[in-house]
Structures are given as structure tokens and as C-alpha cells.
């Protein structure tokens, strides 16, 4: 990504003001994190406006913003499937799981796994979930560095250290309350900058919608323009992961009641679908205005910096940074929650004596932040990270976890065997076919489903009532 040229003083001031507001909000939120429940789930007291804004900010990151714009540039309206899949996943989460989750006093996905399948399954699921949250955190820090490099021209490594360091610092200090207050700022900036201003100015610069239609290939007007295989790959990559992701569930646990969690999650899904259309329209406009653009991945930053007026450019580019930062803070906190709640408290001698301590919980958030930063500097590959994270989450954890919500009776052994076999299958697919494509996820889900069904049939005497039925 080439550095942006032509940013005005006003643009730089607006971007600086955004960073300052995020840092101040993150630090001020530390005063609200007085208990472990405050630190991990914001005291479970978010109202609808806060919850909706935070869930919307969490779901749409830098990859979905820049990636969807790139797909719009390359495929037209067919590029909506990236963010549309995120929206579908959130709507399904709102319809299928939020009602029961809001009644639990849990803080992690794996507590629900243990309720259904036992302590061994919880540990297995925790490891797989940690792979997901850690890898996703790494990809977002890489995306933050790429955006800052593209906007300000700072080299990649210092850009990652600066942007990622800010996110890690405020997450460490204030936990979920810091994430909540900064997410609200980021939601507002993204809504104004990317959902409203950017499409309007880009379409106007292209001569209006009629002019766009007359200059693009007919396939650009079709939602199937990307092809079935590629569209399906985004659906299978994102939808299951959004339904059961630790970062999504941990945000659901922050709602003050069932009504807020359900309406807010569905609302965030609809917001994501609208966001999908906005980012694709930006990409289509850049295709008209800059058909010679060598790297479609640069479509967002190049288009915004070239065709938007000063001031508006600063808002929209700050919004792109906000998109990456909002997701990374949520996944870093989710990683530390899994490590602390599902592994440390279970295996570390004397850990339960310190349970409930904000200081210990904060220490784990800092530790995860350091690990994420080291991995980001080492790996520096966003797409591979996303494939790995969702491969293990959707391919391994989705089937047994959803089964515990749907079935009235099942064998706990079925969930444990499903987790084990699907993990082996997904790992085998990564080893033999690489990390690209939907094959690892589909293979993991199908093998997990087959094993779950076989064990459930074979172990009739071992079946128990689903612990979630009482909710």
C-alpha cells in the first residue's frame, strides 16, 4: 500500500483528534473497572444504545472495510458477501443464542461447553477458542499497521507498534469498559465516515449512479458477480464463527437483559449488511475513477484520499483505523478471558485463591497483548491468520456447541469426540492443502457432525438432558 499523498493539515488534525479521544476514553474507563465482572463484561449493564454500537463496532474490522472495498472494485455488487456474511452471522446469533446466553452468568464460550460435555471438553474447546481469538487479534494488529502505513507513510513495523500498542494499552488498563467507551467512539466515526460520507462523495465524484451504471460491466450489478464458490467461501468462513465466537459472546454477556442482547445483536447484523453495501459502492466508484489502479487492495485508501474533500478525508481515514482497532481490542480481551478463566483457574496451583482479582485479570490482558504484538511482527499475513482462526473455531467448535442449544438430550461423549476428530481433520487440511479456501472448515464441520451423530446413537444409555433446556 502506497502512502497517501495530499492530506491537508485539517485531515491530520482530525486523525490526531481521533487517536487522542480513543486514548483518553480508554484511560478514563479504568475508573469503572472495579471488579472482575466490570473488567471482563462491563458489569453486565449495557443499555441498548451502548450495546448496539459496541456490537456493530466489534463485528466490522479493518479487514472487512478494506477487503469489502477491494471486492467491490474487482466484482461490483458481488463483493457484498464478505460483510453480508458477517451480518447474517450476527442475525442468527441474535435469533438462536442470545436469549439463553443472557440468562447465564458465564464469561466464556467454554463454560457452556463444560455444562454440556464435561471438563475435558471445556479444556479442549478452550485451546481451540484461544487459537481463534489470538490469531484474529494478530490479524487486526497487522491491519492497523497497514492502514497507518497507508495513511501516514510510517513504515509497517513502527505503525504496528504504535497503533497496536495504543489498543493493547487501553484494553490492559480498563478491560471491557475501556473497550466499550472506545468502541462507541469508533462506531460513531465509522458510521459518519464510511457508512454516510464516503459513499456519497465517491458516487458524486463518479458522476452519479446513472453514470456509474453506464460505465461498469453488467456483472458488476449482480450480487452473484463474484461466483458461487467464492461467495459460499465467505458465508462458511464467517457465519458459523459469528454465531459462536468468544469475542461476540463476551459482548453479549455485557447486555443488561435478554431484550437488549437480542435486539442489539440483530440490529448490529442489519447494520453490517448496510455497511456491506456502502463499502462495495466505494469500491465500484474507485473502479470507475481509477481503473488503472495496480493493486485493488489499495482501493479504499487511494479512493478516499483522492476524491474526497479535505476534512472529510480525515474523518473517513480515521474511520478505517477505528474499524481495525475496535475488533482488535475485543479479541485481545477475549483471548485473555479464555486464558484466565478456562485454563489458568483450572490448572495453576492456588489460582482460585486469587480468583476475582482485577489485577490478575489485567495481568493476563497485558500478557496476551505482548504475545499478539510479537506474533503480528513475526507473521505479517492477514489472510492466513483469518483462515486459521475461523478454521479451528467454525470447523471444530460450531457443531457440538450448536447441538447443545438445539438438542434436548445428547451424550456428553459425542461433544468431546466431535471436538477431537474435527480438530485433527482441520489440522490435516491445513497441513496438506494450505490455509486458503473453505475446505478445512467444511471438512471439520462434516467430520465433527458425523462423529457427533455416531457417538450420540451408540451411547444411548449415556445421554443426559441438555443443561440449557432450563434456561
Foldseek 3Di string as FASTA:
>chain_A
DAAFPDADPLLVVLLVVLLVQLLVLLQVLLVQCPWPCCQQQVVLADFQVLLLLLLLLQLFFLCNQLVLLLCLQVFALLSLLQLLLSLLLLLCLLVFPLLLLLVDPDQFLLVLLCLQQNLVLSLLLLVLLLLQLLLLLLLLLLSQLVLCCRHVVDDSLVSSCVLLVSLLVSCLSNHPSSLSRSSNSLSVLLCCQQLPDLLVQLCVLCVHDVSLVVPDPPSNPDNCRVDDQVSVQSNLLNNLCSNRRSLNSNSSSSHNGSVSSSVSSNSSSVVSSSSSNRSSSQSSSLCSVPVVDPDSSCSPLHSLSPRPDHNSSSSNSSSSSSSSSSNSSSSLSSSLCSCLVSPCCVPPPPSVVCPTPSVVSSVSSSVSSVVSSVVSVVPSDNVLSSLSSSLSCLLAVRVVSSCLSVDFKFASVLNSVLNVVLVVQLVVCCVPPNRDTCVSRVRSNVSSNVSSVVVRVVPVVRMDGRPSVVD
